Amino acid sequence: MTTKISAKDRILDAALTLFNAQGSANVTTNHIGEQLKMSPGNLYYHFRNKEAIIRALFARLDQTWDQDYGLPTDRPLRLEDVTHFLHLTFETMWRYRFFYRETPNLVHNDPELAQHYRHVRERGLKDTEVLLEALIDGDVLRPSARTALPELSVLIRIVTDNWLNFRALGDEPVDPTQMRAGVGLVLSIARPYFTPSAQDAHRASELARWAQETYHHLTWQALTGNRPAQPA
C-alpha cells in the first residue's frame, strides 16, 4: 500500500531540492509553489513564509539525528559502529547541504532558527562526549582520552560542520564521495587515543576499503576501456 505524502512534506521535499540546487537566497515561495503546481494560498496555509520552511527543514534534520544515532544497549560500542555513524552523518549533511553551506547567514537572519540551532549544537557536543566515553568503555579509546573529551568533541564538530564549505572554498569537488572522505578525517582526530586492538581494526578496515575501491575502479576501466594515463 502506497503511503500518501502530506502537503507539508511535499513542500519541504521540493524546497530542499531547490535550496540544495540553487541556494535558499535564490529560491522564493513562488518558485516552490511552481515546482509543485501549488497555489500561493495553499502553500501559505502550511508555511507563512520561506523562513518557516527553513525552520521546518532544520527540525526534520534534527529529528534525523535522534532516529539514526542510538548507541547499542546489548554490547559495547565498537569502532565499526562509529564508522557507520560517521557515514550516516556525512550522508545526512549532503542531503541537507544547503543548510551547512549557509548556516551563518541563516542563523544570523532568523532569531528563532538561531535559538533552535544553538540548542541542537550544544546537545550535539554533549552527545559526542557520551559517544567518546562509550568508546573508552568499549576498549576502542584509551582511558587517558577521558581528560580530552571536551576538546575532541569540539574538534569533531568543527570538522563535520565545515567539511563541505572547506572543500568548496578550495574549488575542490563536492559530491557524496568527497563528503564521505570526511569520515577518515574525523577518525584521525581520535586515532592518537586508539587502543592497540582498535589500531589493528582501523588498519584492517582501511585496507578492505582500499581493496574495494580499487576493485570497483579496475572494473570500471575494464567495462569502459578507459586506462589510466601512463607517466611521461
Protein backbone atom coordinates (compact mmCIF):
# COMPACT_ATOMS: atom_id res chain seq x y z
CA MET A 1 0.00 0.00 0.00
CA THR A 2 1.43 3.37 -1.04
CA THR A 3 1.69 5.93 1.75
CA LYS A 4 0.27 9.29 0.77
CA ILE A 5 2.73 12.14 1.27
CA SER A 6 1.25 15.10 3.12
CA ALA A 7 1.18 18.55 1.53
CA LYS A 8 3.62 19.79 4.17
CA ASP A 9 6.12 17.07 3.34
CA ARG A 10 5.73 17.72 -0.38
CA ILE A 11 6.53 21.38 0.21
CA LEU A 12 9.55 20.52 2.35
CA ASP A 13 10.84 17.98 -0.18
CA ALA A 14 10.51 20.44 -3.06
CA ALA A 15 12.10 23.26 -1.07
CA LEU A 16 15.03 21.07 -0.04
CA THR A 17 15.69 20.10 -3.67
CA LEU A 18 15.58 23.74 -4.82
CA PHE A 19 17.63 25.07 -1.89
CA ASN A 20 20.33 22.43 -2.47
CA ALA A 21 20.49 23.18 -6.19
CA GLN A 22 20.24 26.97 -6.16
CA GLY A 23 20.81 28.18 -2.59
CA SER A 24 17.95 29.30 -0.38
CA ALA A 25 18.53 33.01 -1.14
CA ASN A 26 17.74 32.39 -4.81
CA VAL A 27 14.52 30.46 -4.17
CA THR A 28 11.20 32.09 -3.31
CA THR A 29 7.97 30.55 -2.08
CA ASN A 30 6.63 31.20 -5.59
CA HIS A 31 9.39 29.01 -7.03
CA ILE A 32 8.47 26.24 -4.58
CA GLY A 33 4.78 26.57 -5.45
CA GLU A 34 5.55 26.47 -9.18
CA GLN A 35 7.64 23.33 -8.68
CA LEU A 36 4.63 21.67 -7.02
CA LYS A 37 1.96 23.31 -9.20
CA MET A 38 0.53 24.61 -5.92
CA SER A 39 -1.16 27.98 -5.49
CA PRO A 40 0.47 30.56 -3.20
CA GLY A 41 -2.56 30.48 -0.92
CA ASN A 42 -2.30 26.72 -0.49
CA LEU A 43 1.41 26.94 0.28
CA TYR A 44 0.92 29.80 2.76
CA TYR A 45 -1.75 27.75 4.51
CA HIS A 46 1.02 25.36 5.57
CA PHE A 47 4.00 27.76 5.83
CA ARG A 48 3.59 31.51 6.16
CA ASN A 49 6.97 32.30 4.60
CA LYS A 50 10.28 30.84 3.45
CA GLU A 51 11.83 31.19 6.91
CA ALA A 52 9.15 28.89 8.31
CA ILE A 53 10.05 26.30 5.64
CA ILE A 54 13.75 26.51 6.54
CA ARG A 55 12.92 26.10 10.24
CA ALA A 56 10.83 23.03 9.44
CA LEU A 57 13.65 21.55 7.37
CA PHE A 58 16.07 22.07 10.25
CA ALA A 59 13.58 20.43 12.63
CA ARG A 60 13.42 17.47 10.24
CA LEU A 61 17.22 17.34 10.16
CA ASP A 62 17.32 17.38 13.97
CA GLN A 63 14.80 14.53 14.07
CA THR A 64 17.05 12.51 11.75
CA TRP A 65 19.90 12.72 14.27
CA ASP A 66 17.62 11.39 17.01
CA GLN A 67 16.35 8.49 14.87
CA ASP A 68 19.63 7.29 13.40
CA TYR A 69 22.20 7.59 16.17
CA GLY A 70 21.17 5.39 19.07
CA LEU A 71 24.01 3.56 20.84
CA PRO A 72 23.77 -0.23 21.19
CA THR A 73 22.41 -1.29 24.57
CA ASP A 74 23.24 -5.01 24.44
CA ARG A 75 27.00 -4.80 23.82
CA PRO A 76 29.96 -2.40 23.99
CA LEU A 77 30.33 0.23 21.29
CA ARG A 78 32.75 -0.84 18.55
CA LEU A 79 34.87 1.07 16.05
CA GLU A 80 32.71 -0.12 13.15
CA ASP A 81 29.67 1.38 14.90
CA VAL A 82 31.34 4.78 14.97
CA THR A 83 32.41 4.47 11.34
CA HIS A 84 28.82 3.65 10.44
CA PHE A 85 27.55 6.66 12.42
CA LEU A 86 30.04 8.92 10.67
CA HIS A 87 29.00 7.72 7.23
CA LEU A 88 25.37 8.40 8.18
CA THR A 89 26.41 11.84 9.41
CA PHE A 90 28.07 12.88 6.17
CA GLU A 91 25.28 11.37 4.07
CA THR A 92 22.72 13.37 6.06
CA MET A 93 24.81 16.53 5.73
CA TRP A 94 24.88 16.03 1.97
CA ARG A 95 21.10 15.58 1.91
CA TYR A 96 20.71 18.93 3.73
CA ARG A 97 23.76 20.55 2.23
CA PHE A 98 22.16 23.97 1.68
CA PHE A 99 21.94 24.39 5.45
CA TYR A 100 25.62 23.62 6.02
CA ARG A 101 26.64 25.93 3.17
CA GLU A 102 24.56 28.78 4.57
CA THR A 103 24.49 28.24 8.35
CA PRO A 104 25.99 31.63 9.41
CA ASN A 105 23.58 33.66 7.27
CA LEU A 106 20.52 31.55 8.07
CA VAL A 107 21.16 31.71 11.81
CA HIS A 108 22.03 35.41 11.74
CA ASN A 109 18.84 36.34 9.87
CA ASP A 110 16.37 34.28 11.93
CA PRO A 111 16.48 34.51 15.75
CA GLU A 112 14.01 31.64 16.14
CA LEU A 113 16.15 29.37 13.98
CA ALA A 114 19.26 30.57 15.83
CA GLN A 115 17.81 29.53 19.17
CA HIS A 116 16.95 26.05 17.89
CA TYR A 117 20.31 25.67 16.15
CA ARG A 118 22.30 26.60 19.27
CA HIS A 119 20.29 24.16 21.36
CA VAL A 120 20.97 21.36 18.86
CA ARG A 121 24.64 22.34 18.66
CA GLU A 122 25.08 22.20 22.43
CA ARG A 123 23.27 18.88 22.64
CA GLY A 124 25.41 17.53 19.79
CA LEU A 125 28.61 18.39 21.63
CA LYS A 126 27.40 16.59 24.74
CA ASP A 127 26.23 13.58 22.72
CA THR A 128 29.66 13.36 21.07
CA GLU A 129 31.28 13.28 24.52
CA VAL A 130 28.90 10.48 25.51
CA LEU A 131 29.86 8.55 22.37
CA LEU A 132 33.58 9.02 23.06
CA GLU A 133 33.07 7.89 26.66
CA ALA A 134 31.34 4.77 25.34
CA LEU A 135 34.37 4.13 23.13
CA ILE A 136 36.57 4.17 26.22
CA ASP A 137 34.24 1.67 27.89
CA GLY A 138 34.35 -0.45 24.73
CA ASP A 139 38.19 -0.53 24.71
CA VAL A 140 38.38 1.46 21.48
CA LEU A 141 39.91 4.55 23.10
CA ARG A 142 42.47 4.50 25.87
CA PRO A 143 41.32 5.71 29.31
CA SER A 144 43.76 8.62 29.01
CA ALA A 145 41.40 10.10 26.39
CA ARG A 146 38.88 10.89 29.12
CA THR A 147 40.54 14.20 30.04
CA ALA A 148 40.46 15.30 26.38
CA LEU A 149 36.81 14.51 25.65
CA PRO A 150 35.53 18.13 25.55
CA GLU A 151 38.30 19.19 23.16
CA LEU A 152 37.86 16.08 20.96
CA SER A 153 34.12 16.72 20.79
CA VAL A 154 34.65 20.32 19.64
CA LEU A 155 37.24 19.31 17.04
CA ILE A 156 34.95 16.62 15.63
CA ARG A 157 32.10 19.11 15.42
CA ILE A 158 34.27 21.70 13.67
CA VAL A 159 35.34 19.20 11.02
CA THR A 160 31.89 17.77 10.36
CA ASP A 161 30.07 21.11 10.25
CA ASN A 162 32.64 22.76 7.96
CA TRP A 163 33.88 19.94 5.71
CA LEU A 164 31.55 20.82 2.82
CA ASN A 165 32.48 24.51 2.79
CA PHE A 166 36.18 23.77 3.28
CA ARG A 167 36.23 21.78 0.05
CA ALA A 168 34.00 24.20 -1.85
CA LEU A 169 36.10 27.23 -0.91
CA GLY A 170 39.21 25.43 -2.15
CA ASP A 171 37.49 24.86 -5.52
CA GLU A 172 37.63 21.12 -4.85
CA PRO A 173 34.95 18.60 -5.87
CA VAL A 174 31.99 18.49 -3.52
CA ASP A 175 29.88 15.39 -4.03
CA PRO A 176 28.71 12.45 -1.90
CA THR A 177 32.01 10.63 -2.38
CA GLN A 178 34.04 13.61 -1.16
CA MET A 179 31.66 14.13 1.74
CA ARG A 180 32.31 10.54 2.83
CA ALA A 181 36.04 11.27 2.69
CA GLY A 182 35.46 13.39 5.77
CA VAL A 183 34.91 10.19 7.76
CA GLY A 184 38.62 9.41 7.68
CA LEU A 185 39.47 12.93 8.77
CA VAL A 186 37.18 12.70 11.80
CA LEU A 187 38.64 9.33 12.76
CA SER A 188 42.13 10.82 12.57
CA ILE A 189 41.19 13.20 15.40
CA ALA A 190 40.61 10.26 17.75
CA ARG A 191 43.27 7.95 16.31
CA PRO A 192 46.08 9.05 18.70
CA TYR A 193 43.91 7.66 21.51
CA PHE A 194 43.10 4.32 19.86
CA THR A 195 43.93 1.18 21.83
CA PRO A 196 46.24 -1.33 20.06
CA SER A 197 43.26 -3.51 19.12
CA ALA A 198 41.43 -0.50 17.68
CA GLN A 199 44.52 0.46 15.69
CA ASP A 200 44.57 -3.04 14.18
CA ALA A 201 40.84 -2.91 13.42
CA HIS A 202 41.21 0.51 11.81
CA ARG A 203 44.10 -0.63 9.59
CA ALA A 204 42.12 -3.72 8.52
CA SER A 205 39.10 -1.55 7.72
CA GLU A 206 41.19 0.89 5.69
CA LEU A 207 42.79 -1.98 3.77
CA ALA A 208 39.39 -3.50 2.99
CA ARG A 209 38.07 -0.13 1.83
CA TRP A 210 41.11 0.42 -0.39
CA ALA A 211 40.75 -3.06 -1.91
CA GLN A 212 37.05 -2.47 -2.61
CA GLU A 213 37.65 0.93 -4.22
CA THR A 214 40.49 -0.48 -6.32
CA TYR A 215 38.29 -3.37 -7.46
CA HIS A 216 35.47 -1.00 -8.50
CA HIS A 217 37.95 1.29 -10.25
CA LEU A 218 39.53 -1.55 -12.23
CA THR A 219 36.12 -3.00 -13.08
CA TRP A 220 35.01 0.38 -14.40
CA GLN A 221 38.16 0.63 -16.51
CA ALA A 222 37.56 -2.84 -17.96
CA LEU A 223 33.94 -2.03 -18.83
CA THR A 224 34.63 1.38 -20.36
CA GLY A 225 38.01 0.72 -21.90
CA ASN A 226 39.49 3.65 -20.00
CA ARG A 227 43.03 3.26 -18.85
CA PRO A 228 44.96 5.49 -16.51
CA ALA A 229 47.37 7.83 -18.23
CA GLN A 230 50.90 6.49 -18.37
CA PRO A 231 53.60 8.58 -16.69
CA ALA A 232 55.54 10.78 -19.08
